[in-house]
Amino acid sequence: MNKFKIGDKVRIISDTKGCKSDLRINDVGVIESFYYYNDKPKSAHMECDGDSESCFHDLNYIELVTPKPTPHIHHKEIIAWGNGYEIEFWNVDAWSMASTPSWRLCIKYRVKPTKTPTQIAIGGKEIELVKLKQQDLVERGIAEVLK
């Protein structure tokens, strides 16, 4: 079975005979037709890098040019979830926990942020302490500042 088809974009991986254009390894072309020998495709007829001269290349000396796959929109979050991090999704007006995310494209996800030493929770809300207050907290202690 032939792994190539007409219209495939291929790269030259080895020098071949039968090319009239200025062929170099890594040149790219599009297959226009095949040359058959004993009812099996033997070589591909193509135009090389837009050169007006078309040529034949042995199928053993070409490879498919595959486009680089586009990563999933939530790629970073999926990897983090696989590594054990908690994931949150945007639920109308706030972030909510996603115990088993569905990874739908229309939903925003994020890795649950971890608290830094300058964050505290008051009444269930996280508050970032102002830099000026940091020194005060260190000197007097958190309990006294929150009185």
C-alpha atoms as a PDB file:
ATOM      1  CA  MET A   1       0.000   0.000   0.000  1.00  0.00           C
ATOM      2  CA  ASN A   2       1.327   3.405  -0.968  1.00  0.00           C
ATOM      3  CA  LYS A   3       1.770   5.763   1.985  1.00  0.00           C
ATOM      4  CA  PHE A   4       1.666   8.814  -0.320  1.00  0.00           C
ATOM      5  CA  LYS A   5      -1.227  10.287  -2.282  1.00  0.00           C
ATOM      6  CA  ILE A   6      -1.591  12.956  -4.939  1.00  0.00           C
ATOM      7  CA  GLY A   7      -1.510  16.392  -3.327  1.00  0.00           C
ATOM      8  CA  ASP A   8       0.752  15.341  -0.426  1.00  0.00           C
ATOM      9  CA  LYS A   9       3.464  17.804   0.532  1.00  0.00           C
ATOM     10  CA  VAL A  10       6.773  15.904   0.766  1.00  0.00           C
ATOM     11  CA  ARG A  11      10.396  16.629   1.621  1.00  0.00           C
ATOM     12  CA  ILE A  12      13.429  15.192  -0.194  1.00  0.00           C
ATOM     13  CA  ILE A  13      15.495  13.196   2.336  1.00  0.00           C
ATOM     14  CA  SER A  14      18.177  11.831   0.000  1.00  0.00           C
ATOM     15  CA  ASP A  15      19.679  12.721  -3.379  1.00  0.00           C
ATOM     16  CA  THR A  16      17.709  11.214  -6.233  1.00  0.00           C
ATOM     17  CA  LYS A  17      18.305  10.889  -9.929  1.00  0.00           C
ATOM     18  CA  GLY A  18      15.756  12.163 -12.402  1.00  0.00           C
ATOM     19  CA  CYS A  19      15.265  15.677 -11.076  1.00  0.00           C
ATOM     20  CA  LYS A  20      15.839  18.429 -13.644  1.00  0.00           C
ATOM     21  CA  SER A  21      15.534  21.238 -11.096  1.00  0.00           C
ATOM     22  CA  ASP A  22      18.314  22.329  -8.742  1.00  0.00           C
ATOM     23  CA  LEU A  23      17.386  19.690  -6.150  1.00  0.00           C
ATOM     24  CA  ARG A  24      18.799  19.719  -2.647  1.00  0.00           C
ATOM     25  CA  ILE A  25      18.023  17.585   0.385  1.00  0.00           C
ATOM     26  CA  ASN A  26      15.163  19.144   2.407  1.00  0.00           C
ATOM     27  CA  ASP A  27      13.561  20.713  -0.677  1.00  0.00           C
ATOM     28  CA  VAL A  28       9.774  20.457  -0.554  1.00  0.00           C
ATOM     29  CA  GLY A  29       7.319  19.606  -3.307  1.00  0.00           C
ATOM     30  CA  VAL A  30       3.739  18.511  -3.907  1.00  0.00           C
ATOM     31  CA  ILE A  31       3.016  15.145  -5.506  1.00  0.00           C
ATOM     32  CA  GLU A  32       1.216  15.555  -8.848  1.00  0.00           C
ATOM     33  CA  SER A  33       1.218  11.936 -10.048  1.00  0.00           C
ATOM     34  CA  PHE A  34       3.018   8.602  -9.705  1.00  0.00           C
ATOM     35  CA  TYR A  35       5.216   6.505 -11.964  1.00  0.00           C
ATOM     36  CA  TYR A  36       4.273   2.830 -11.673  1.00  0.00           C
ATOM     37  CA  TYR A  37       6.481  -0.207 -12.165  1.00  0.00           C
ATOM     38  CA  ASN A  38       4.891  -3.683 -12.067  1.00  0.00           C
ATOM     39  CA  ASP A  39       1.589  -2.115 -10.944  1.00  0.00           C
ATOM     40  CA  LYS A  40       3.249  -0.549  -7.863  1.00  0.00           C
ATOM     41  CA  PRO A  41       4.061   3.124  -7.421  1.00  0.00           C
ATOM     42  CA  LYS A  42       7.815   3.527  -7.839  1.00  0.00           C
ATOM     43  CA  SER A  43       8.346   7.290  -7.862  1.00  0.00           C
ATOM     44  CA  ALA A  44       6.444  10.544  -7.414  1.00  0.00           C
ATOM     45  CA  HIS A  45       6.162  13.258 -10.043  1.00  0.00           C
ATOM     46  CA  MET A  46       6.171  16.717  -8.497  1.00  0.00           C
ATOM     47  CA  GLU A  47       7.135  20.331  -8.842  1.00  0.00           C
ATOM     48  CA  CYS A  48      10.053  21.166  -6.521  1.00  0.00           C
ATOM     49  CA  ASP A  49       9.890  24.346  -4.440  1.00  0.00           C
ATOM     50  CA  GLY A  50       7.886  26.164  -7.074  1.00  0.00           C
ATOM     51  CA  ASP A  51      10.524  25.524  -9.750  1.00  0.00           C
ATOM     52  CA  SER A  52       9.008  25.389 -13.216  1.00  0.00           C
ATOM     53  CA  GLU A  53      10.844  22.102 -13.878  1.00  0.00           C
ATOM     54  CA  SER A  54       9.011  19.092 -12.498  1.00  0.00           C
ATOM     55  CA  CYS A  55      10.783  15.864 -11.668  1.00  0.00           C
ATOM     56  CA  PHE A  56      10.428  12.303 -10.388  1.00  0.00           C
ATOM     57  CA  HIS A  57      11.640  11.176  -6.968  1.00  0.00           C
ATOM     58  CA  ASP A  58      11.918   7.607  -5.757  1.00  0.00           C
ATOM     59  CA  LEU A  59       9.378   7.010  -2.975  1.00  0.00           C
ATOM     60  CA  ASN A  60      12.179   5.703  -0.742  1.00  0.00           C
ATOM     61  CA  TYR A  61      13.858   9.131  -0.816  1.00  0.00           C
ATOM     62  CA  ILE A  62      10.948  11.343   0.207  1.00  0.00           C
ATOM     63  CA  GLU A  63       8.929  11.801   3.401  1.00  0.00           C
ATOM     64  CA  LEU A  64       5.632  13.461   4.252  1.00  0.00           C
ATOM     65  CA  VAL A  65       5.848  16.996   5.557  1.00  0.00           C
ATOM     66  CA  THR A  66       3.616  16.951   8.598  1.00  0.00           C
ATOM     67  CA  PRO A  67       2.513  20.245  10.085  1.00  0.00           C
ATOM     68  CA  LYS A  68       3.476  20.846  13.704  1.00  0.00           C
ATOM     69  CA  PRO A  69       0.415  19.945  15.778  1.00  0.00           C
ATOM     70  CA  THR A  70      -1.324  22.799  17.549  1.00  0.00           C
ATOM     71  CA  PRO A  71      -1.449  22.178  21.301  1.00  0.00           C
ATOM     72  CA  HIS A  72      -4.842  21.976  23.011  1.00  0.00           C
ATOM     73  CA  ILE A  73      -6.080  25.359  24.264  1.00  0.00           C
ATOM     74  CA  HIS A  74      -5.904  24.040  27.860  1.00  0.00           C
ATOM     75  CA  HIS A  75      -2.588  22.197  27.364  1.00  0.00           C
ATOM     76  CA  LYS A  76      -0.804  23.743  30.379  1.00  0.00           C
ATOM     77  CA  GLU A  77      -3.738  23.138  32.703  1.00  0.00           C
ATOM     78  CA  ILE A  78      -4.168  19.530  31.516  1.00  0.00           C
ATOM     79  CA  ILE A  79      -0.480  18.821  32.220  1.00  0.00           C
ATOM     80  CA  ALA A  80      -0.716  20.480  35.647  1.00  0.00           C
ATOM     81  CA  TRP A  81      -3.861  18.458  36.494  1.00  0.00           C
ATOM     82  CA  GLY A  82      -2.040  15.264  35.481  1.00  0.00           C
ATOM     83  CA  ASN A  83       0.758  16.274  37.856  1.00  0.00           C
ATOM     84  CA  GLY A  84      -1.671  16.606  40.770  1.00  0.00           C
ATOM     85  CA  TYR A  85      -2.418  20.346  40.815  1.00  0.00           C
ATOM     86  CA  GLU A  86      -5.963  21.525  41.532  1.00  0.00           C
ATOM     87  CA  ILE A  87      -7.829  23.085  38.619  1.00  0.00           C
ATOM     88  CA  GLU A  88     -10.456  25.828  38.723  1.00  0.00           C
ATOM     89  CA  PHE A  89     -12.923  26.966  36.063  1.00  0.00           C
ATOM     90  CA  TRP A  90     -14.602  30.351  35.574  1.00  0.00           C
ATOM     91  CA  ASN A  91     -18.219  30.061  36.735  1.00  0.00           C
ATOM     92  CA  VAL A  92     -20.122  33.224  35.698  1.00  0.00           C
ATOM     93  CA  ASP A  93     -18.459  35.613  38.191  1.00  0.00           C
ATOM     94  CA  ALA A  94     -15.956  33.587  40.222  1.00  0.00           C
ATOM     95  CA  TRP A  95     -13.472  30.717  40.004  1.00  0.00           C
ATOM     96  CA  SER A  96     -14.835  27.315  41.154  1.00  0.00           C
ATOM     97  CA  MET A  97     -13.105  24.003  41.781  1.00  0.00           C
ATOM     98  CA  ALA A  98     -13.132  21.487  38.911  1.00  0.00           C
ATOM     99  CA  SER A  99     -12.604  18.055  40.463  1.00  0.00           C
ATOM    100  CA  THR A 100     -12.867  16.330  37.055  1.00  0.00           C
ATOM    101  CA  PRO A 101     -12.475  18.996  34.356  1.00  0.00           C
ATOM    102  CA  SER A 102     -14.225  18.368  31.035  1.00  0.00           C
ATOM    103  CA  TRP A 103     -11.642  20.531  29.157  1.00  0.00           C
ATOM    104  CA  ARG A 104     -14.356  22.103  27.007  1.00  0.00           C
ATOM    105  CA  LEU A 105     -13.007  24.765  24.677  1.00  0.00           C
ATOM    106  CA  CYS A 106     -15.641  27.327  25.708  1.00  0.00           C
ATOM    107  CA  ILE A 107     -14.712  27.192  29.414  1.00  0.00           C
ATOM    108  CA  LYS A 108     -11.809  29.053  31.022  1.00  0.00           C
ATOM    109  CA  TYR A 109      -9.597  26.935  33.295  1.00  0.00           C
ATOM    110  CA  ARG A 110      -6.619  27.751  35.484  1.00  0.00           C
ATOM    111  CA  VAL A 111      -4.331  26.068  37.956  1.00  0.00           C
ATOM    112  CA  LYS A 112      -5.556  26.968  41.441  1.00  0.00           C
ATOM    113  CA  PRO A 113      -3.200  29.661  42.715  1.00  0.00           C
ATOM    114  CA  THR A 114      -1.208  28.883  45.807  1.00  0.00           C
ATOM    115  CA  LYS A 115      -1.110  31.401  48.634  1.00  0.00           C
ATOM    116  CA  THR A 116       2.058  33.385  48.958  1.00  0.00           C
ATOM    117  CA  PRO A 117       3.409  34.527  52.333  1.00  0.00           C
ATOM    118  CA  THR A 118       1.807  37.934  51.680  1.00  0.00           C
ATOM    119  CA  GLN A 119      -1.747  36.570  51.295  1.00  0.00           C
ATOM    120  CA  ILE A 120      -4.219  35.947  54.091  1.00  0.00           C
ATOM    121  CA  ALA A 121      -7.838  34.787  54.153  1.00  0.00           C
ATOM    122  CA  ILE A 122     -10.431  36.953  55.885  1.00  0.00           C
ATOM    123  CA  GLY A 123     -14.068  35.917  55.816  1.00  0.00           C
ATOM    124  CA  GLY A 124     -13.397  33.332  53.088  1.00  0.00           C
ATOM    125  CA  LYS A 125     -11.777  35.879  50.745  1.00  0.00           C
ATOM    126  CA  GLU A 126      -8.097  36.012  49.934  1.00  0.00           C
ATOM    127  CA  ILE A 127      -6.501  39.386  50.433  1.00  0.00           C
ATOM    128  CA  GLU A 128      -3.071  40.432  49.193  1.00  0.00           C
ATOM    129  CA  LEU A 129      -1.277  42.356  51.890  1.00  0.00           C
ATOM    130  CA  VAL A 130       0.164  45.688  50.928  1.00  0.00           C
ATOM    131  CA  LYS A 131       3.979  45.910  51.014  1.00  0.00           C
ATOM    132  CA  LEU A 132       3.783  48.626  53.679  1.00  0.00           C
ATOM    133  CA  LYS A 133       1.802  46.302  55.952  1.00  0.00           C
ATOM    134  CA  GLN A 134       4.303  43.436  55.596  1.00  0.00           C
ATOM    135  CA  GLN A 135       6.862  45.010  57.899  1.00  0.00           C
ATOM    136  CA  ASP A 136       4.107  45.889  60.393  1.00  0.00           C
ATOM    137  CA  LEU A 137       2.909  42.251  60.381  1.00  0.00           C
ATOM    138  CA  VAL A 138       6.401  40.979  61.018  1.00  0.00           C
ATOM    139  CA  GLU A 139       6.993  43.416  63.887  1.00  0.00           C
ATOM    140  CA  ARG A 140       3.617  43.158  65.659  1.00  0.00           C
ATOM    141  CA  GLY A 141       2.309  39.784  64.481  1.00  0.00           C
ATOM    142  CA  ILE A 142      -0.758  39.026  62.384  1.00  0.00           C
ATOM    143  CA  ALA A 143      -3.167  38.639  65.310  1.00  0.00           C
ATOM    144  CA  GLU A 144      -2.506  42.171  66.584  1.00  0.00           C
ATOM    145  CA  VAL A 145      -2.845  43.754  63.119  1.00  0.00           C
ATOM    146  CA  LEU A 146      -6.208  42.052  62.527  1.00  0.00           C
ATOM    147  CA  LYS A 147      -7.754  43.353  65.802  1.00  0.00           C
END
